[in-house]
Amino acid sequence: MRIGLEISESFNIAKSAIVANKGRGTLTALGIVIGVVAVITTMTAANGLKNTFQESFSSVGTDVLYVSRTPWVHMGNFMEFRNRKNISLENTQHLSEALQGRGVVNPGINSEVSVKFGSETLENVTVLGTTDKQIVVSSITPELGRFFMPFEVDSKKNVAVIGFAVAEALFGTVSPLDKKIKLGRYTFRVIGVMEEQGGSSFGGPNFDRRVYVPITTYIKTFGDRGGRANFDVAIKAPSEDELADFEYEVIGAMRKVRNLGPTEENDFAINKLDTLMGAYNNTMGVVLLIGLLITSISLFVGGVGVMNIMFVSVTERTREIGIRKAIGARRRSILMQFLFESTVICLIGGVIGIALAAGLTVLIDAVLMPASLSPAILITAVVISILVGVLSGIVPAWRGARLDPIEALRYE
């Protein structure tokens, strides 16, 4: 009961002191406001980048394995991967046979060409030779028109499905369906437009800047270097839960296709979305840590400002402290009074900082990337504000609590 009364009394005195010095309290809280805004904006930007990354690679699929000559994320000596022999179309056909229908196998080959429609030209567009199974393996489907059919792959038709960015750049508001475009020197008829997947991030591929053509047409038109071209293979697992076990099946089947002995290392790589996410999380973890260390400097400066003002406050109210001690106030009451004062100042700064950061988040979301304030970020901001208040006020509060009442009463 007594402790409760002491807490209530200390809080009321602290509140009165802040109200009596509004200007000083506002200027003191300004450093905390800047620090909280910096920290929240850094965390929000990190979340926004993560969302953008996940959206950009959503078509990769969480239940799809990609067999490639080299890994997506290179570790070790790159020349070791570079010297591997290419994965041929024949390899992909034998792999499909070895898996005996356990997964959907979709080979692909790509290169960059210029795409032209009328007077409009788009340079360095990825043209991907694939099969009708592309939309089974990928989670992305045509927004307009359709994807090519098995008979169009078998008969090597010059049909194309274009990415959202390609359609927007070449056709604007005009429907691209049944229009003729040129891929390099060759004419193709547009039969579909893929739905928007979002732009590239961190220099990754832009899936909206692609043109899909039948793999047989690609080989007929652009060639396969006499059977020596490199193909990638996307394999959709029976289910996401079976992905880990299915990966071992694919590795075993691919080793047989490549005629590797028991002691020979794999001369191919198995890639999946987890590989990209792991590399991203490692990179962004370091970036976020550096960002928070830099932004925490502003919080530190704000905390030093609060501590300085609290020392001034203790000095100004030395006589008041002496009077309170003389009539029976305990050290903990004096300690709590100044701790409450510093904490409330920082908490007010934190609340204002959260409000300003919310406005910045809306701006970031509208202009730069998907971003939102999560409950975790808000709770972190409040906890940080309280911690800065306690740490900044503890030394001045302890100094005030230890004052000798007789010496304090003599202070002028």
Protein backbone atom coordinates (compact mmCIF):
# COMPACT_ATOMS: atom_id res chain seq x y z
CA MET A 1 0.00 0.00 0.00
CA ARG A 2 2.78 2.39 1.00
CA ILE A 3 4.78 1.60 -2.13
CA GLY A 4 1.68 2.26 -4.24
CA LEU A 5 1.21 5.66 -2.64
CA GLU A 6 4.90 6.47 -3.17
CA ILE A 7 4.65 5.52 -6.84
CA SER A 8 1.49 7.61 -7.29
CA GLU A 9 3.04 10.59 -5.52
CA SER A 10 6.31 10.34 -7.47
CA PHE A 11 4.42 10.13 -10.77
CA ASN A 12 2.27 13.19 -9.94
CA ILE A 13 5.34 15.25 -8.96
CA ALA A 14 7.13 14.19 -12.17
CA LYS A 15 4.06 15.12 -14.24
CA SER A 16 3.85 18.53 -12.56
CA ALA A 17 7.55 19.16 -13.24
CA ILE A 18 7.14 18.34 -16.94
CA VAL A 19 4.04 20.54 -17.27
CA ALA A 20 5.85 23.40 -15.51
CA ASN A 21 8.74 23.18 -18.02
CA LYS A 22 6.90 22.47 -21.29
CA GLY A 23 9.45 24.19 -23.54
CA ARG A 24 12.42 22.40 -22.04
CA GLY A 25 10.60 19.06 -22.07
CA THR A 26 9.62 19.49 -25.72
CA LEU A 27 13.17 20.30 -26.83
CA THR A 28 14.51 17.39 -24.78
CA ALA A 29 12.01 14.97 -26.33
CA LEU A 30 12.99 16.13 -29.85
CA GLY A 31 16.16 14.02 -29.80
CA ILE A 32 14.13 10.95 -28.87
CA VAL A 33 11.60 11.74 -31.62
CA ILE A 34 14.36 11.79 -34.25
CA GLY A 35 15.91 8.59 -32.90
CA VAL A 36 12.62 6.67 -32.82
CA VAL A 37 11.69 7.83 -36.34
CA ALA A 38 15.11 6.69 -37.61
CA VAL A 39 14.86 3.26 -35.95
CA ILE A 40 11.25 2.62 -37.06
CA THR A 41 11.94 3.78 -40.62
CA THR A 42 14.98 1.48 -40.84
CA MET A 43 12.97 -1.53 -39.64
CA THR A 44 10.02 -0.66 -41.89
CA ALA A 45 12.31 -0.29 -44.91
CA ALA A 46 13.87 -3.70 -44.14
CA ASN A 47 10.40 -5.28 -43.99
CA GLY A 48 9.45 -3.50 -47.21
CA LEU A 49 12.51 -4.82 -49.00
CA LYS A 50 11.72 -8.32 -47.76
CA ASN A 51 8.15 -8.06 -49.05
CA THR A 52 9.40 -6.77 -52.41
CA PHE A 53 11.92 -9.60 -52.64
CA GLN A 54 9.30 -12.23 -51.86
CA GLU A 55 6.85 -10.76 -54.37
CA SER A 56 9.54 -10.60 -57.06
CA PHE A 57 10.39 -14.29 -56.63
CA SER A 58 6.86 -15.53 -55.91
CA SER A 59 6.81 -17.37 -59.26
CA VAL A 60 9.82 -19.46 -58.21
CA GLY A 61 7.51 -21.54 -56.02
CA THR A 62 8.04 -23.12 -52.62
CA ASP A 63 7.45 -26.65 -53.95
CA VAL A 64 9.69 -26.45 -57.02
CA LEU A 65 13.28 -27.66 -57.46
CA TYR A 66 15.52 -26.18 -60.14
CA VAL A 67 18.30 -28.31 -61.62
CA SER A 68 21.03 -26.09 -63.04
CA ARG A 69 24.65 -26.33 -64.04
CA THR A 70 25.66 -23.83 -61.35
CA PRO A 71 24.09 -22.84 -58.01
CA TRP A 72 22.15 -19.58 -57.74
CA VAL A 73 24.27 -18.53 -54.78
CA HIS A 74 27.96 -19.20 -55.46
CA MET A 75 30.08 -20.39 -52.55
CA GLY A 76 33.75 -21.22 -53.05
CA ASN A 77 35.64 -21.31 -56.34
CA PHE A 78 33.43 -20.14 -59.21
CA MET A 79 35.77 -21.73 -61.80
CA GLU A 80 34.79 -25.13 -60.40
CA PHE A 81 31.18 -24.46 -61.45
CA ARG A 82 32.12 -22.72 -64.68
CA ASN A 83 33.98 -25.78 -65.96
CA ARG A 84 31.01 -28.11 -65.52
CA LYS A 85 29.51 -29.52 -68.70
CA ASN A 86 26.17 -28.11 -69.78
CA ILE A 87 22.84 -29.77 -69.07
CA SER A 88 21.55 -30.84 -72.47
CA LEU A 89 17.95 -31.19 -73.63
CA GLU A 90 18.59 -34.92 -73.82
CA ASN A 91 19.58 -34.84 -70.13
CA THR A 92 16.26 -33.21 -69.25
CA GLN A 93 14.31 -35.85 -71.21
CA HIS A 94 16.17 -38.70 -69.48
CA LEU A 95 15.59 -37.05 -66.09
CA SER A 96 11.86 -36.88 -66.76
CA GLU A 97 11.86 -40.58 -67.65
CA ALA A 98 13.89 -41.48 -64.54
CA LEU A 99 11.43 -39.72 -62.23
CA GLN A 100 8.57 -41.79 -63.73
CA GLY A 101 5.96 -39.08 -63.38
CA ARG A 102 6.75 -38.32 -59.72
CA GLY A 103 7.12 -34.63 -60.55
CA VAL A 104 6.24 -32.20 -63.32
CA VAL A 105 9.45 -31.65 -65.31
CA ASN A 106 9.78 -28.45 -67.32
CA PRO A 107 13.03 -27.72 -69.22
CA GLY A 108 13.93 -24.17 -70.18
CA ILE A 109 16.53 -22.17 -72.04
CA ASN A 110 16.87 -18.42 -72.31
CA SER A 111 18.76 -15.58 -73.90
CA GLU A 112 18.38 -11.82 -74.29
CA VAL A 113 17.03 -10.21 -77.46
CA SER A 114 15.44 -6.97 -78.57
CA VAL A 115 11.65 -7.00 -78.90
CA LYS A 116 9.95 -4.75 -81.46
CA PHE A 117 6.39 -3.76 -82.23
CA GLY A 118 5.83 -1.05 -84.80
CA SER A 119 8.14 1.83 -83.94
CA GLU A 120 8.60 0.69 -80.32
CA THR A 121 11.67 -1.34 -79.36
CA LEU A 122 12.61 -2.85 -76.02
CA GLU A 123 16.22 -3.95 -75.60
CA ASN A 124 17.69 -6.76 -73.46
CA VAL A 125 14.46 -8.66 -72.93
CA THR A 126 14.76 -12.25 -71.71
CA VAL A 127 13.21 -14.71 -74.14
CA LEU A 128 12.51 -18.03 -72.42
CA GLY A 129 12.04 -21.23 -74.36
CA THR A 130 9.80 -23.46 -72.26
CA THR A 131 6.91 -25.93 -72.50
CA ASP A 132 3.19 -25.80 -71.79
CA LYS A 133 4.03 -27.06 -68.26
CA GLN A 134 5.42 -23.61 -67.37
CA ILE A 135 2.12 -22.49 -65.83
CA VAL A 136 1.90 -25.74 -63.85
CA VAL A 137 5.36 -25.30 -62.36
CA SER A 138 4.99 -21.55 -61.84
CA SER A 139 2.29 -19.91 -59.75
CA ILE A 140 1.90 -17.17 -62.39
CA THR A 141 -0.77 -17.42 -65.09
CA PRO A 142 -1.73 -15.25 -68.09
CA GLU A 143 -3.75 -12.14 -67.26
CA LEU A 144 -4.88 -11.77 -70.87
CA GLY A 145 -5.21 -14.49 -73.48
CA ARG A 146 -3.68 -17.89 -72.81
CA PHE A 147 -0.44 -19.84 -72.57
CA PHE A 148 0.67 -22.03 -75.47
CA MET A 149 -0.75 -25.52 -75.82
CA PRO A 150 1.10 -28.88 -76.18
CA PHE A 151 0.36 -29.03 -79.94
CA GLU A 152 1.98 -25.60 -80.39
CA VAL A 153 5.13 -26.91 -78.69
CA ASP A 154 5.11 -30.08 -80.79
CA SER A 155 4.54 -28.22 -84.07
CA LYS A 156 7.08 -25.45 -83.27
CA LYS A 157 4.62 -22.59 -83.65
CA ASN A 158 5.88 -19.00 -83.59
CA VAL A 159 3.65 -17.93 -80.71
CA ALA A 160 4.65 -15.88 -77.69
CA VAL A 161 3.35 -14.97 -74.26
CA ILE A 162 4.76 -11.64 -73.11
CA GLY A 163 5.46 -10.31 -69.63
CA PHE A 164 3.49 -7.45 -68.10
CA ALA A 165 6.32 -4.90 -68.46
CA VAL A 166 6.88 -5.87 -72.10
CA ALA A 167 3.17 -5.43 -72.89
CA GLU A 168 3.08 -2.07 -71.10
CA ALA A 169 6.20 -0.75 -72.87
CA LEU A 170 5.33 -1.89 -76.40
CA PHE A 171 1.54 -1.65 -76.49
CA GLY A 172 0.48 0.78 -73.76
CA THR A 173 -3.33 0.64 -73.55
CA VAL A 174 -3.71 -1.32 -76.81
CA SER A 175 -4.49 -5.03 -76.50
CA PRO A 176 -1.42 -7.09 -77.54
CA LEU A 177 -3.44 -10.21 -78.39
CA ASP A 178 -2.93 -11.49 -81.95
CA LYS A 179 -0.43 -8.72 -82.66
CA LYS A 180 2.85 -9.56 -84.42
CA ILE A 181 6.11 -8.75 -82.62
CA LYS A 182 9.72 -9.29 -83.62
CA LEU A 183 12.13 -11.16 -81.33
CA GLY A 184 15.41 -10.19 -82.89
CA ARG A 185 14.83 -10.87 -86.60
CA TYR A 186 11.98 -13.35 -86.12
CA THR A 187 8.24 -12.70 -86.09
CA PHE A 188 5.96 -14.12 -83.38
CA ARG A 189 2.24 -13.80 -82.70
CA VAL A 190 1.24 -12.71 -79.18
CA ILE A 191 -1.32 -15.07 -77.64
CA GLY A 192 -1.15 -13.98 -74.01
CA VAL A 193 0.12 -11.53 -71.39
CA MET A 194 1.37 -12.79 -68.02
CA GLU A 195 0.07 -11.20 -64.83
CA GLU A 196 2.29 -8.63 -63.11
CA GLN A 197 4.88 -10.07 -60.75
CA GLY A 198 6.67 -6.93 -59.56
CA GLY A 199 10.00 -5.44 -60.54
CA SER A 200 13.43 -6.86 -59.86
CA SER A 201 15.17 -6.29 -56.53
CA PHE A 202 18.87 -6.37 -55.62
CA GLY A 203 19.79 -6.76 -59.28
CA GLY A 204 17.74 -9.94 -59.59
CA PRO A 205 15.75 -10.95 -62.68
CA ASN A 206 12.70 -8.93 -63.70
CA PHE A 207 10.06 -11.59 -64.36
CA ASP A 208 7.77 -9.00 -65.98
CA ARG A 209 10.40 -8.30 -68.65
CA ARG A 210 10.18 -11.71 -70.28
CA VAL A 211 8.80 -13.33 -73.42
CA TYR A 212 7.82 -17.02 -73.31
CA VAL A 213 8.00 -19.10 -76.48
CA PRO A 214 7.73 -22.89 -77.09
CA ILE A 215 11.08 -24.53 -76.39
CA THR A 216 11.00 -26.30 -79.76
CA THR A 217 10.44 -22.97 -81.51
CA TYR A 218 13.29 -21.43 -79.52
CA ILE A 219 15.70 -24.15 -80.66
CA LYS A 220 14.46 -23.86 -84.28
CA THR A 221 14.74 -20.07 -84.26
CA PHE A 222 17.65 -19.18 -81.99
CA GLY A 223 19.51 -22.51 -82.12
CA ASP A 224 20.94 -24.71 -79.39
CA ARG A 225 24.63 -24.54 -80.40
CA GLY A 226 24.44 -27.94 -82.06
CA GLY A 227 23.03 -29.63 -78.98
CA ARG A 228 25.64 -28.06 -76.70
CA ALA A 229 23.42 -25.30 -75.23
CA ASN A 230 22.75 -25.27 -71.50
CA PHE A 231 19.23 -25.97 -70.24
CA ASP A 232 17.72 -25.50 -66.78
CA VAL A 233 15.04 -27.82 -65.42
CA ALA A 234 12.17 -26.86 -63.11
CA ILE A 235 10.59 -29.81 -61.30
CA LYS A 236 7.40 -29.42 -59.29
CA ALA A 237 7.37 -31.80 -56.32
CA PRO A 238 4.29 -33.97 -55.59
CA SER A 239 3.68 -31.72 -52.56
CA GLU A 240 5.52 -29.13 -50.49
CA ASP A 241 5.72 -31.57 -47.55
CA GLU A 242 7.56 -34.10 -49.72
CA LEU A 243 10.05 -31.56 -51.10
CA ALA A 244 13.01 -32.64 -48.91
CA ASP A 245 12.64 -36.36 -49.76
CA PHE A 246 11.89 -35.57 -53.40
CA GLU A 247 15.13 -33.57 -53.63
CA TYR A 248 17.12 -36.74 -52.86
CA GLU A 249 15.19 -38.58 -55.60
CA VAL A 250 16.03 -35.84 -58.10
CA ILE A 251 19.72 -35.88 -57.10
CA GLY A 252 19.87 -39.67 -57.51
CA ALA A 253 18.10 -39.56 -60.87
CA MET A 254 20.29 -36.73 -62.14
CA ARG A 255 23.49 -38.53 -61.10
CA LYS A 256 22.39 -41.51 -63.21
CA VAL A 257 21.58 -39.24 -66.15
CA ARG A 258 25.04 -37.64 -65.87
CA ASN A 259 26.74 -41.06 -65.49
CA LEU A 260 28.47 -40.11 -62.23
CA GLY A 261 30.31 -42.75 -60.24
CA PRO A 262 29.71 -43.35 -56.49
CA THR A 263 32.80 -41.32 -55.51
CA GLU A 264 32.28 -38.47 -57.98
CA GLU A 265 30.83 -35.17 -56.82
CA ASN A 266 27.67 -33.73 -58.36
CA ASP A 267 28.35 -31.73 -61.51
CA PHE A 268 25.01 -29.96 -61.24
CA ALA A 269 23.20 -27.89 -58.62
CA ILE A 270 19.78 -28.18 -57.00
CA ASN A 271 18.30 -24.73 -56.38
CA LYS A 272 15.10 -23.73 -54.60
CA LEU A 273 13.40 -20.70 -53.09
CA ASP A 274 14.91 -21.45 -49.66
CA THR A 275 18.35 -20.93 -51.20
CA LEU A 276 17.44 -17.40 -52.26
CA MET A 277 15.66 -16.61 -48.99
CA GLY A 278 18.62 -17.86 -46.96
CA ALA A 279 21.04 -15.67 -48.92
CA TYR A 280 18.66 -12.72 -48.67
CA ASN A 281 18.18 -13.12 -44.91
CA ASN A 282 21.93 -13.31 -44.33
CA THR A 283 22.54 -10.18 -46.40
CA MET A 284 19.63 -8.21 -44.97
CA GLY A 285 20.53 -9.26 -41.43
CA VAL A 286 23.91 -7.53 -41.81
CA VAL A 287 22.38 -4.50 -43.57
CA LEU A 288 19.69 -4.14 -40.88
CA LEU A 289 22.26 -4.45 -38.10
CA ILE A 290 24.45 -1.75 -39.64
CA GLY A 291 21.39 0.45 -40.21
CA LEU A 292 20.22 0.07 -36.62
CA LEU A 293 23.71 0.78 -35.29
CA ILE A 294 23.83 4.00 -37.31
CA THR A 295 20.32 5.12 -36.37
CA SER A 296 20.89 4.22 -32.70
CA ILE A 297 23.47 7.02 -32.60
CA SER A 298 20.61 9.53 -32.80
CA LEU A 299 18.90 7.73 -29.92
CA PHE A 300 22.14 7.85 -27.95
CA VAL A 301 22.43 11.60 -28.57
CA GLY A 302 18.80 12.03 -27.54
CA GLY A 303 19.45 10.01 -24.39
CA VAL A 304 22.47 12.15 -23.52
CA GLY A 305 20.25 15.23 -23.93
CA VAL A 306 17.67 13.77 -21.55
CA MET A 307 20.39 12.90 -19.02
CA ASN A 308 21.81 16.42 -19.22
CA ILE A 309 18.39 18.00 -18.61
CA MET A 310 17.75 15.62 -15.70
CA PHE A 311 21.04 16.67 -14.08
CA VAL A 312 19.93 20.29 -14.48
CA SER A 313 16.53 19.41 -13.02
CA VAL A 314 18.08 17.68 -10.00
CA THR A 315 20.36 20.68 -9.39
CA GLU A 316 17.49 23.17 -9.68
CA ARG A 317 15.35 21.20 -7.26
CA THR A 318 18.03 20.38 -4.71
CA ARG A 319 16.26 22.41 -2.03
CA GLU A 320 12.94 20.72 -2.86
CA ILE A 321 14.64 17.33 -2.45
CA GLY A 322 16.01 18.43 0.93
CA ILE A 323 12.53 19.50 2.11
CA ARG A 324 10.97 16.22 0.98
CA LYS A 325 13.66 14.19 2.71
CA ALA A 326 13.36 16.31 5.86
CA ILE A 327 9.64 15.46 6.14
CA GLY A 328 10.23 11.74 5.62
CA ALA A 329 10.58 11.02 1.90
CA ARG A 330 12.69 7.96 1.21
CA ARG A 331 15.47 7.59 -1.32
CA ARG A 332 13.33 5.36 -3.52
CA SER A 333 10.62 8.06 -3.69
CA ILE A 334 13.15 10.62 -4.94
CA LEU A 335 14.63 8.01 -7.30
CA MET A 336 11.21 7.12 -8.75
CA GLN A 337 10.26 10.79 -9.13
CA PHE A 338 13.15 11.59 -11.46
CA LEU A 339 13.00 8.21 -13.23
CA PHE A 340 9.32 8.80 -13.98
CA GLU A 341 10.15 12.27 -15.27
CA SER A 342 12.87 11.07 -17.67
CA THR A 343 10.79 8.06 -18.78
CA VAL A 344 7.66 10.14 -19.47
CA ILE A 345 9.71 12.64 -21.52
CA CYS A 346 11.16 9.79 -23.61
CA LEU A 347 7.77 8.08 -23.92
CA ILE A 348 6.18 11.28 -25.22
CA GLY A 349 9.05 11.56 -27.70
CA GLY A 350 8.51 7.92 -28.67
CA VAL A 351 4.78 8.39 -29.29
CA ILE A 352 5.41 11.48 -31.44
CA GLY A 353 8.17 9.56 -33.27
CA ILE A 354 5.78 6.65 -33.95
CA ALA A 355 3.20 9.06 -35.37
CA LEU A 356 5.77 10.69 -37.67
CA ALA A 357 7.18 7.28 -38.68
CA ALA A 358 3.65 6.11 -39.55
CA GLY A 359 3.35 9.04 -41.96
CA LEU A 360 6.73 8.21 -43.52
CA THR A 361 5.67 4.56 -43.84
CA VAL A 362 2.56 5.57 -45.79
CA LEU A 363 4.79 7.66 -48.08
CA ILE A 364 7.27 4.80 -48.58
CA ASP A 365 4.39 2.41 -49.33
CA ALA A 366 2.93 4.81 -51.91
CA VAL A 367 6.18 5.79 -53.64
CA LEU A 368 8.95 3.21 -53.14
CA MET A 369 7.90 -0.26 -51.95
CA PRO A 370 5.26 -2.18 -49.97
CA ALA A 371 5.71 -1.15 -46.32
CA SER A 372 3.65 -1.26 -43.13
CA LEU A 373 4.07 -0.78 -39.40
CA SER A 374 3.80 -4.17 -37.73
CA PRO A 375 2.79 -4.56 -34.06
CA ALA A 376 6.29 -5.89 -33.34
CA ILE A 377 7.86 -2.64 -34.61
CA LEU A 378 5.45 -0.51 -32.56
CA ILE A 379 6.12 -2.50 -29.39
CA THR A 380 9.87 -2.28 -30.04
CA ALA A 381 9.63 1.51 -30.40
CA VAL A 382 7.72 1.87 -27.10
CA VAL A 383 10.14 -0.43 -25.24
CA ILE A 384 13.15 1.44 -26.65
CA SER A 385 11.64 4.78 -25.53
CA ILE A 386 11.11 3.47 -22.00
CA LEU A 387 14.60 1.94 -21.83
CA VAL A 388 16.23 5.18 -23.02
CA GLY A 389 14.22 7.07 -20.39
CA VAL A 390 15.27 4.74 -17.58
CA LEU A 391 18.94 4.59 -18.64
CA SER A 392 19.13 8.36 -19.16
CA GLY A 393 17.48 9.14 -15.82
CA ILE A 394 19.04 6.55 -13.55
CA VAL A 395 22.30 8.41 -12.83
CA PRO A 396 20.70 11.85 -12.20
CA ALA A 397 17.91 10.21 -10.17
CA TRP A 398 20.43 8.27 -8.07
CA ARG A 399 22.41 11.43 -7.49
CA GLY A 400 19.26 13.25 -6.30
CA ALA A 401 18.20 10.32 -4.11
CA ARG A 402 21.61 10.27 -2.36
CA LEU A 403 21.65 13.96 -1.49
CA ASP A 404 22.12 14.70 2.19
CA PRO A 405 18.94 16.51 3.38
CA ILE A 406 20.93 19.03 5.49
CA GLU A 407 23.27 19.91 2.61
CA ALA A 408 20.31 20.05 0.26
CA LEU A 409 18.41 22.51 2.51
CA ARG A 410 21.46 24.78 2.56
CA TYR A 411 21.60 24.88 -1.25
CA GLU A 412 20.78 28.28 -2.74
